[in-house]
Protein backbone atom coordinates (compact mmCIF):
# COMPACT_ATOMS: atom_id res chain seq x y z
CA MET A 1 -92.69 -25.90 -39.68
CA LYS A 2 -89.58 -26.87 -42.06
CA HIS A 3 -86.46 -27.16 -40.03
CA GLY A 4 -83.05 -26.32 -41.60
CA LYS A 5 -80.44 -29.11 -42.40
CA ARG A 6 -78.51 -28.58 -39.29
CA TYR A 7 -81.40 -28.67 -37.37
CA THR A 8 -82.31 -31.73 -38.97
CA GLU A 9 -79.01 -33.54 -38.80
CA ALA A 10 -78.75 -32.77 -34.67
CA ALA A 11 -82.63 -34.38 -35.15
CA LYS A 12 -81.49 -37.65 -36.10
CA LEU A 13 -79.03 -37.87 -32.95
CA VAL A 14 -82.11 -37.63 -30.38
CA ASP A 15 -84.54 -40.60 -30.13
CA ARG A 16 -88.14 -38.98 -29.67
CA SER A 17 -89.38 -42.37 -28.57
CA GLN A 18 -87.30 -42.11 -25.16
CA TYR A 19 -87.38 -40.37 -21.85
CA TYR A 20 -83.47 -39.57 -20.89
CA ASP A 21 -81.85 -39.33 -17.18
CA VAL A 22 -80.10 -36.73 -16.61
CA ALA A 23 -76.28 -37.56 -17.71
CA ASP A 24 -77.47 -38.64 -21.14
CA ALA A 25 -79.93 -36.14 -21.82
CA VAL A 26 -76.86 -33.78 -21.48
CA GLY A 27 -74.21 -36.17 -23.25
CA VAL A 28 -77.23 -35.66 -26.06
CA ILE A 29 -77.51 -31.75 -25.84
CA LYS A 30 -73.71 -31.52 -26.13
CA LYS A 31 -73.86 -33.55 -29.28
CA THR A 32 -77.04 -31.45 -30.90
CA ALA A 33 -75.69 -27.93 -30.17
CA ASN A 34 -73.68 -26.86 -32.92
CA ALA A 35 -74.75 -23.72 -34.14
CA LYS A 36 -71.90 -20.68 -34.63
CA PHE A 37 -72.56 -19.12 -31.37
CA ASP A 38 -72.38 -20.52 -27.84
CA GLU A 39 -75.97 -21.95 -27.54
CA THR A 40 -77.91 -21.44 -24.20
CA VAL A 41 -79.17 -24.61 -22.69
CA GLU A 42 -82.65 -24.54 -21.35
CA LEU A 43 -84.65 -26.96 -19.05
CA HIS A 44 -88.76 -25.78 -19.73
CA VAL A 45 -90.98 -28.19 -17.25
CA ARG A 46 -94.56 -28.27 -17.68
CA THR A 47 -96.11 -28.66 -14.20
CA GLY A 48 -99.40 -29.61 -12.99
CA ALA A 49 -99.59 -26.38 -10.84
CA ASP A 50 -102.39 -24.11 -11.46
CA GLY A 51 -100.77 -20.63 -11.38
CA ARG A 52 -104.32 -19.00 -10.77
CA HIS A 53 -104.20 -20.04 -7.02
CA ALA A 54 -101.75 -18.37 -4.61
CA ASP A 55 -101.08 -21.32 -2.80
CA GLN A 56 -99.96 -22.97 -6.11
CA GLN A 57 -97.54 -20.07 -7.14
CA ILE A 58 -93.62 -21.36 -7.98
CA ARG A 59 -91.41 -18.94 -8.01
CA GLY A 60 -87.81 -18.73 -6.47
CA ALA A 61 -84.22 -18.29 -7.33
CA VAL A 62 -80.86 -20.90 -7.49
CA VAL A 63 -77.38 -20.19 -7.64
CA LEU A 64 -76.16 -22.51 -10.29
CA PRO A 65 -72.63 -24.00 -9.40
CA HIS A 66 -71.35 -23.11 -12.74
CA GLY A 67 -72.87 -19.97 -13.16
CA THR A 68 -75.10 -19.54 -16.41
CA GLY A 69 -72.04 -18.59 -18.84
CA LYS A 70 -73.61 -14.97 -19.32
CA THR A 71 -72.19 -11.63 -18.18
CA VAL A 72 -75.16 -10.26 -16.37
CA ARG A 73 -75.63 -6.48 -15.76
CA ILE A 74 -77.73 -5.37 -12.77
CA LEU A 75 -79.59 -2.64 -11.99
CA VAL A 76 -79.84 -1.44 -8.35
CA PHE A 77 -82.70 1.01 -6.84
CA ALA A 78 -81.16 2.25 -3.65
CA LYS A 79 -80.39 5.58 -1.82
CA GLY A 80 -77.35 6.61 0.41
CA PRO A 81 -75.33 4.15 1.76
CA LYS A 82 -77.02 1.63 0.54
CA GLU A 83 -76.60 3.05 -3.01
CA ASP A 84 -72.43 3.13 -1.94
CA GLU A 85 -72.97 -0.24 -0.95
CA ALA A 86 -74.05 -1.07 -4.43
CA LYS A 87 -71.43 0.73 -6.24
CA ALA A 88 -68.78 -1.35 -3.84
CA ALA A 89 -70.43 -5.03 -4.83
CA GLY A 90 -70.58 -4.29 -8.49
CA ALA A 91 -73.95 -3.47 -9.60
CA ASP A 92 -73.67 -1.94 -13.40
CA PHE A 93 -76.27 0.85 -12.71
CA VAL A 94 -77.24 2.45 -9.40
CA GLY A 95 -79.90 5.08 -8.80
CA GLY A 96 -82.99 6.14 -7.87
CA GLN A 97 -86.35 8.36 -8.72
CA GLU A 98 -84.10 9.99 -11.78
CA LEU A 99 -84.12 6.59 -13.59
CA ILE A 100 -87.87 6.69 -13.86
CA PRO A 101 -88.06 9.02 -17.00
CA LYS A 102 -84.94 6.96 -18.43
CA ILE A 103 -86.83 3.96 -18.50
CA GLN A 104 -90.65 4.81 -19.01
CA ASN A 105 -89.69 7.30 -21.67
CA GLU A 106 -86.79 6.70 -23.56
CA GLY A 107 -87.32 2.85 -23.18
CA TRP A 108 -83.38 2.56 -21.29
CA LEU A 109 -83.50 -1.30 -20.56
CA ASP A 110 -79.39 -2.24 -20.97
CA PHE A 111 -79.47 -4.12 -17.55
CA ASP A 112 -81.07 -8.10 -17.18
CA VAL A 113 -81.85 -8.28 -13.62
CA VAL A 114 -83.06 -5.17 -11.33
CA VAL A 115 -82.55 -5.51 -7.28
CA ALA A 116 -83.99 -2.91 -4.93
CA THR A 117 -83.65 -1.93 -1.28
CA PRO A 118 -87.18 -2.29 0.33
CA ASP A 119 -87.60 1.04 0.53
CA MET A 120 -87.29 2.18 -2.82
CA MET A 121 -90.01 -0.32 -4.21
CA GLY A 122 -92.87 2.61 -3.84
CA VAL A 123 -90.66 4.43 -6.88
CA VAL A 124 -89.96 0.83 -8.90
CA GLY A 125 -93.29 0.43 -8.64
CA ARG A 126 -94.33 2.95 -10.86
CA LEU A 127 -92.25 0.85 -13.70
CA GLY A 128 -94.54 -2.37 -13.31
CA LYS A 129 -96.00 -1.82 -16.56
CA VAL A 130 -92.51 -1.93 -18.11
CA LEU A 131 -90.57 -4.43 -15.87
CA GLY A 132 -93.32 -6.77 -14.80
CA PRO A 133 -93.93 -8.26 -18.64
CA LYS A 134 -90.23 -8.70 -19.25
CA GLY A 135 -90.03 -10.43 -15.70
CA LEU A 136 -87.54 -7.68 -14.47
CA MET A 137 -89.50 -6.80 -11.43
CA PRO A 138 -88.04 -6.74 -8.25
CA ASN A 139 -89.60 -9.68 -5.91
CA PRO A 140 -88.65 -10.63 -1.96
CA LYS A 141 -89.22 -14.39 -3.56
CA SER A 142 -86.57 -14.36 -5.55
CA GLY A 143 -84.34 -12.17 -3.33
CA THR A 144 -84.34 -9.07 -5.32
CA VAL A 145 -85.76 -6.85 -2.70
CA THR A 146 -83.55 -6.80 0.37
CA MET A 147 -81.24 -4.73 2.41
CA ASP A 148 -78.15 -6.91 1.80
CA LEU A 149 -77.07 -5.95 -1.53
CA THR A 150 -73.65 -7.15 -1.25
CA LYS A 151 -74.95 -11.18 -0.94
CA ALA A 152 -77.63 -10.43 -3.83
CA ILE A 153 -75.18 -8.77 -6.45
CA ALA A 154 -72.63 -11.54 -5.38
CA ASP A 155 -75.38 -14.32 -6.01
CA ILE A 156 -76.25 -12.97 -9.21
CA LYS A 157 -72.62 -12.25 -10.46
CA ALA A 158 -71.95 -15.87 -9.55
CA GLY A 159 -74.99 -17.46 -12.01
CA LYS A 160 -78.19 -16.90 -9.59
CA VAL A 161 -81.00 -18.09 -11.90
CA GLU A 162 -84.74 -17.14 -11.19
CA TYR A 163 -87.78 -19.75 -12.06
CA ARG A 164 -91.45 -18.94 -11.96
CA LEU A 165 -94.68 -20.22 -13.62
CA ASP A 166 -95.65 -18.85 -16.85
CA LYS A 167 -99.04 -18.02 -17.67
CA THR A 168 -99.61 -21.82 -19.28
CA ASN A 169 -97.77 -22.96 -16.04
CA ILE A 170 -94.38 -23.92 -17.59
CA ILE A 171 -90.97 -23.24 -16.02
CA HIS A 172 -88.40 -22.16 -18.68
CA CYS A 173 -84.72 -21.82 -17.03
CA PRO A 174 -81.22 -21.81 -18.76
CA VAL A 175 -79.01 -24.35 -17.12
CA GLY A 176 -75.94 -22.84 -18.48
CA LYS A 177 -74.07 -22.75 -22.05
CA ALA A 178 -73.01 -25.27 -24.46
CA SER A 179 -69.82 -24.86 -24.19
CA PHE A 180 -69.93 -25.80 -20.36
CA THR A 181 -68.65 -29.26 -20.02
CA GLU A 182 -70.99 -32.50 -19.47
CA GLU A 183 -70.14 -32.11 -15.74
CA GLN A 184 -70.81 -28.60 -15.10
CA LEU A 185 -74.33 -28.53 -16.96
CA ARG A 186 -75.02 -31.67 -15.35
CA GLU A 187 -74.27 -30.12 -11.92
CA ASN A 188 -76.24 -26.85 -13.21
CA LEU A 189 -78.90 -29.23 -14.23
CA GLN A 190 -79.30 -31.08 -10.83
CA ALA A 191 -78.82 -27.84 -8.86
CA LEU A 192 -82.09 -26.58 -10.70
CA LEU A 193 -83.99 -29.75 -10.25
CA ASP A 194 -83.70 -30.03 -6.49
CA ALA A 195 -84.56 -26.31 -6.15
CA LEU A 196 -87.64 -27.12 -8.14
CA ASN A 197 -88.77 -30.26 -5.96
CA LYS A 198 -88.11 -28.18 -2.82
CA ALA A 199 -90.13 -25.74 -4.73
CA LYS A 200 -93.33 -28.12 -4.85
CA PRO A 201 -96.65 -26.69 -3.62
CA SER A 202 -97.80 -28.61 -0.77
CA SER A 203 -101.73 -27.73 -1.94
CA LEU A 204 -100.49 -29.72 -5.45
CA LYS A 205 -102.58 -32.66 -6.26
CA GLY A 206 -101.50 -35.41 -8.73
CA ALA A 207 -98.27 -35.23 -11.22
CA TYR A 208 -95.99 -32.44 -10.32
CA MET A 209 -93.59 -32.29 -13.41
CA LYS A 210 -96.05 -33.52 -16.38
CA SER A 211 -93.19 -33.19 -18.63
CA ALA A 212 -89.57 -31.89 -18.73
CA VAL A 213 -87.62 -31.15 -21.66
CA LEU A 214 -83.84 -30.16 -21.96
CA THR A 215 -83.26 -27.87 -24.84
CA SER A 216 -80.22 -25.78 -26.58
CA THR A 217 -81.13 -22.06 -28.54
CA MET A 218 -81.16 -23.90 -31.97
CA GLY A 219 -81.37 -27.66 -31.18
CA PRO A 220 -83.88 -29.84 -30.62
CA GLY A 221 -85.86 -30.83 -27.51
CA VAL A 222 -84.77 -33.79 -25.48
CA LYS A 223 -87.49 -35.36 -23.04
CA LEU A 224 -86.46 -36.02 -19.53
CA ASN A 225 -87.66 -38.69 -17.40
CA THR A 226 -89.73 -37.11 -14.80
CA ALA A 227 -90.23 -40.54 -12.71
CA LYS A 228 -86.55 -39.85 -11.92
CA ILE A 229 -86.20 -36.25 -11.32
CA ALA A 230 -89.25 -35.13 -9.65
CA ASN A 231 -89.55 -36.54 -5.83
């Protein structure tokens, strides 16, 4: 694959043979993220888990101390007093049954996170084929199926991110923006790593984090020292 001049220059700043600790990796990412827009910094972890087994599923959420740097649009499925609570808490869109055709037939997807009260999951379930593949389906493990809408919305607006295994047992998760300070990125990354370590399946044998790479949207990957970040 042929890379552009900007990427090639940025890649020279990364020692491909080296495994970096968190602080050094963040420092390198800050230097290599030089696109004309504010790049997202992401962590990609290849795990030793096998997501085909229920006891090795890894899924959860963590509130990053400095947020994600992104304005998140929240859709809440609720009714009655809970609808009023969601609106008061700052949800961008609130509704119920009437939203089904808008999403299913009109392709409306102007939201980043979907939250629902448990009693609305029967309605939301009908959108499984649309929301599921996009990772938007509400889930109790990530705190998006809940009666405490005020807390859920506040956490998401504050920088809550969801992590989960993809089909190849890799976790992809944002940790902030390239414009963040090194300290902010370090603290966000550490919060995510702590959450991932706590989520390690007890049935997992062998290495948990087989490899971990920190990258920006347009920049080269920086390999992390998994011996230091996994416990």
